[in-house]
Amino acid sequence: MRVFGKATGRVADGDLTTVELTWVEKRVEHRIRFGRPLRIHTIDRRRRVVSFAPDRVFAFVRWSANDFGTIVSRIDIVRTVTVGEAYQTLPFVRPGGEVLLKVHGWPKVERVLQLIDAIERIGIDPEAVSPDHWHHVHNRLTAGQEPRGYTLDHHRAFLARRRAEP
């Protein structure tokens, strides 16, 4: 693990987490499924760089194919790190972040996307979901088991715990 930045008290360019997004029709798709970037920089019609403030959560979907079909299908749900925190590195994400969920293979990626859709249907922003839920989904899918859904009751309990923390 690495440790990020120096304490300055405000968000400087060096404190942002950047994600490189690419789209090449029928070949490569790197996209953000949820999360609110602070900045979006367009390089050309196929490439963009999005920047997130510290302590934000986003889902990063990566897919690529060749002439014979899909070769990479994965989703990472990441919390951007704050100054001084340890982090994990990820391709296309600088400097890295706290990986809450890491899944590869289309069936598992598709299941995570379905769970994100279900969370949105009940009116919760997936960025605001308890990090413990994303860990749970990761662990259950890794073990080949069905994860529990996220409910309004789970979300209310998470928000109450967060308010009660010192």
Protein backbone atom coordinates (compact mmCIF):
# COMPACT_ATOMS: atom_id res chain seq x y z
CA MET A 1 0.00 0.00 0.00
CA ARG A 2 1.05 3.56 -0.60
CA VAL A 3 0.27 6.75 1.31
CA PHE A 4 -1.24 9.71 -0.53
CA GLY A 5 -0.30 13.39 -0.51
CA LYS A 6 0.39 15.93 2.20
CA ALA A 7 -2.17 17.61 4.46
CA THR A 8 -3.06 21.04 3.03
CA GLY A 9 -6.66 21.54 4.17
CA ARG A 10 -8.10 22.03 0.65
CA VAL A 11 -8.46 20.05 -2.54
CA ALA A 12 -5.53 20.80 -4.83
CA ASP A 13 -5.04 19.20 -8.23
CA GLY A 14 -2.52 16.83 -6.68
CA ASP A 15 -5.14 15.63 -4.17
CA LEU A 16 -7.59 14.51 -6.86
CA THR A 17 -8.01 10.94 -8.05
CA THR A 18 -8.06 10.75 -11.84
CA VAL A 19 -9.55 8.00 -13.99
CA GLU A 20 -8.74 7.57 -17.68
CA LEU A 21 -11.83 6.68 -19.72
CA THR A 22 -11.66 5.21 -23.22
CA TRP A 23 -14.25 4.22 -25.79
CA VAL A 24 -13.46 2.48 -29.07
CA GLU A 25 -16.59 1.01 -30.65
CA LYS A 26 -16.80 -2.77 -30.23
CA ARG A 27 -13.24 -2.88 -28.81
CA VAL A 28 -12.74 -0.95 -25.56
CA GLU A 29 -15.06 0.67 -23.05
CA HIS A 30 -13.78 2.16 -19.80
CA ARG A 31 -16.57 4.11 -18.14
CA ILE A 32 -17.88 5.38 -14.83
CA ARG A 33 -21.14 3.64 -13.87
CA PHE A 34 -21.81 5.89 -10.87
CA GLY A 35 -20.02 8.64 -9.01
CA ARG A 36 -19.77 12.39 -9.43
CA PRO A 37 -16.52 13.62 -10.93
CA LEU A 38 -15.32 17.06 -9.89
CA ARG A 39 -13.79 17.65 -13.32
CA ILE A 40 -13.99 16.13 -16.80
CA HIS A 41 -11.20 16.71 -19.29
CA THR A 42 -11.84 15.61 -22.88
CA ILE A 43 -8.66 14.57 -24.68
CA ASP A 44 -10.33 13.53 -27.95
CA ARG A 45 -13.55 11.87 -29.04
CA ARG A 46 -12.40 8.51 -27.63
CA ARG A 47 -10.63 9.54 -24.42
CA ARG A 48 -11.48 11.55 -21.31
CA VAL A 49 -9.98 11.97 -17.87
CA VAL A 50 -12.33 12.45 -14.93
CA SER A 51 -11.19 13.70 -11.54
CA PHE A 52 -12.75 12.90 -8.18
CA ALA A 53 -12.37 14.75 -4.88
CA PRO A 54 -11.08 12.77 -1.89
CA ASP A 55 -13.50 10.48 -0.02
CA ARG A 56 -15.86 9.92 -2.98
CA VAL A 57 -17.09 6.56 -4.26
CA PHE A 58 -17.37 5.56 -7.90
CA ALA A 59 -17.83 2.44 -10.01
CA PHE A 60 -15.33 1.91 -12.82
CA VAL A 61 -16.35 -0.54 -15.56
CA ARG A 62 -13.73 -1.94 -17.95
CA TRP A 63 -14.58 -4.04 -20.96
CA SER A 64 -12.54 -4.96 -24.02
CA ALA A 65 -12.83 -7.37 -26.91
CA ASN A 66 -10.92 -8.66 -29.89
CA ASP A 67 -12.03 -10.42 -33.09
CA PHE A 68 -12.93 -13.52 -31.09
CA GLY A 69 -15.05 -11.90 -28.36
CA THR A 70 -14.77 -10.36 -24.90
CA ILE A 71 -11.34 -10.59 -23.31
CA VAL A 72 -11.84 -8.35 -20.24
CA SER A 73 -14.99 -7.64 -18.27
CA ARG A 74 -14.62 -6.14 -14.81
CA ILE A 75 -16.02 -3.61 -12.38
CA ASP A 76 -14.27 -1.94 -9.46
CA ILE A 77 -16.06 0.13 -6.82
CA VAL A 78 -13.51 2.50 -5.36
CA ARG A 79 -13.42 5.10 -2.59
CA THR A 80 -10.98 7.88 -3.35
CA VAL A 81 -8.44 8.42 -0.63
CA THR A 82 -7.93 11.48 1.50
CA VAL A 83 -4.57 13.00 2.26
CA GLY A 84 -2.31 10.65 4.21
CA GLU A 85 -4.39 7.50 3.67
CA ALA A 86 -3.02 4.27 2.34
CA TYR A 87 -4.38 3.13 -1.02
CA GLN A 88 -4.32 0.34 -3.57
CA THR A 89 -3.26 0.93 -7.15
CA LEU A 90 -5.55 0.17 -10.09
CA PRO A 91 -4.99 0.39 -13.83
CA PHE A 92 -6.16 3.75 -15.24
CA VAL A 93 -6.75 5.19 -11.73
CA ARG A 94 -4.19 7.60 -10.26
CA PRO A 95 -3.00 7.46 -7.61
CA GLY A 96 -5.40 4.66 -6.64
CA GLY A 97 -8.01 4.23 -3.92
CA GLU A 98 -9.63 1.95 -1.42
CA VAL A 99 -11.09 -0.90 -3.44
CA LEU A 100 -14.50 -1.74 -1.97
CA LEU A 101 -15.40 -4.30 -4.65
CA LYS A 102 -13.40 -5.94 -7.43
CA VAL A 103 -15.17 -8.37 -9.75
CA HIS A 104 -14.23 -9.82 -13.12
CA GLY A 105 -16.02 -12.06 -15.59
CA TRP A 106 -19.24 -11.03 -17.30
CA PRO A 107 -21.73 -13.01 -15.14
CA LYS A 108 -20.40 -11.41 -11.93
CA VAL A 109 -20.06 -7.95 -13.50
CA GLU A 110 -23.62 -8.21 -14.80
CA ARG A 111 -24.83 -9.18 -11.30
CA VAL A 112 -23.11 -6.14 -9.75
CA LEU A 113 -24.70 -3.89 -12.40
CA GLN A 114 -28.11 -5.40 -11.55
CA LEU A 115 -27.52 -4.71 -7.85
CA ILE A 116 -26.57 -1.09 -8.63
CA ASP A 117 -29.77 -0.74 -10.69
CA ALA A 118 -31.82 -2.15 -7.79
CA ILE A 119 -30.26 0.36 -5.38
CA GLU A 120 -31.11 3.22 -7.73
CA ARG A 121 -34.70 1.93 -8.10
CA ILE A 122 -35.29 2.31 -4.35
CA GLY A 123 -34.08 5.91 -4.54
CA ILE A 124 -30.58 5.61 -3.09
CA ASP A 125 -27.50 7.01 -4.83
CA PRO A 126 -25.06 4.07 -5.10
CA GLU A 127 -22.26 6.45 -4.12
CA ALA A 128 -23.94 6.85 -0.70
CA VAL A 129 -24.23 3.10 -0.01
CA SER A 130 -22.42 1.66 3.00
CA PRO A 131 -18.89 0.55 2.06
CA ASP A 132 -19.62 -2.62 4.06
CA HIS A 133 -22.31 -3.53 1.53
CA TRP A 134 -19.85 -3.36 -1.37
CA HIS A 135 -17.41 -5.54 0.62
CA HIS A 136 -20.28 -7.99 1.26
CA VAL A 137 -21.17 -8.14 -2.45
CA HIS A 138 -17.52 -8.69 -3.38
CA ASN A 139 -17.10 -11.48 -0.83
CA ARG A 140 -20.32 -13.28 -1.73
CA LEU A 141 -19.69 -13.18 -5.48
CA THR A 142 -16.10 -14.34 -4.95
CA ALA A 143 -17.45 -17.30 -2.94
CA GLY A 144 -20.02 -18.09 -5.66
CA GLN A 145 -22.96 -17.10 -3.48
CA GLU A 146 -25.80 -14.64 -3.99
CA PRO A 147 -25.31 -11.33 -2.15
CA ARG A 148 -28.08 -9.80 -0.06
CA GLY A 149 -29.81 -6.80 -1.54
CA TYR A 150 -29.38 -3.32 -0.08
CA THR A 151 -32.59 -2.00 1.48
CA LEU A 152 -33.82 1.32 2.82
CA ASP A 153 -33.54 -0.17 6.32
CA HIS A 154 -29.87 -1.06 5.71
CA HIS A 155 -29.26 2.45 4.43
CA ARG A 156 -30.99 4.13 7.39
CA ALA A 157 -28.94 2.01 9.81
CA PHE A 158 -25.72 2.94 7.98
CA LEU A 159 -26.58 6.66 8.11
CA ALA A 160 -27.43 6.42 11.84
CA ARG A 161 -24.09 4.68 12.56
CA ARG A 162 -22.22 7.34 10.59
CA ARG A 163 -23.95 10.15 12.52
CA ALA A 164 -23.10 8.44 15.82
CA GLU A 165 -19.38 8.16 15.04
CA PRO A 166 -17.16 10.68 16.85
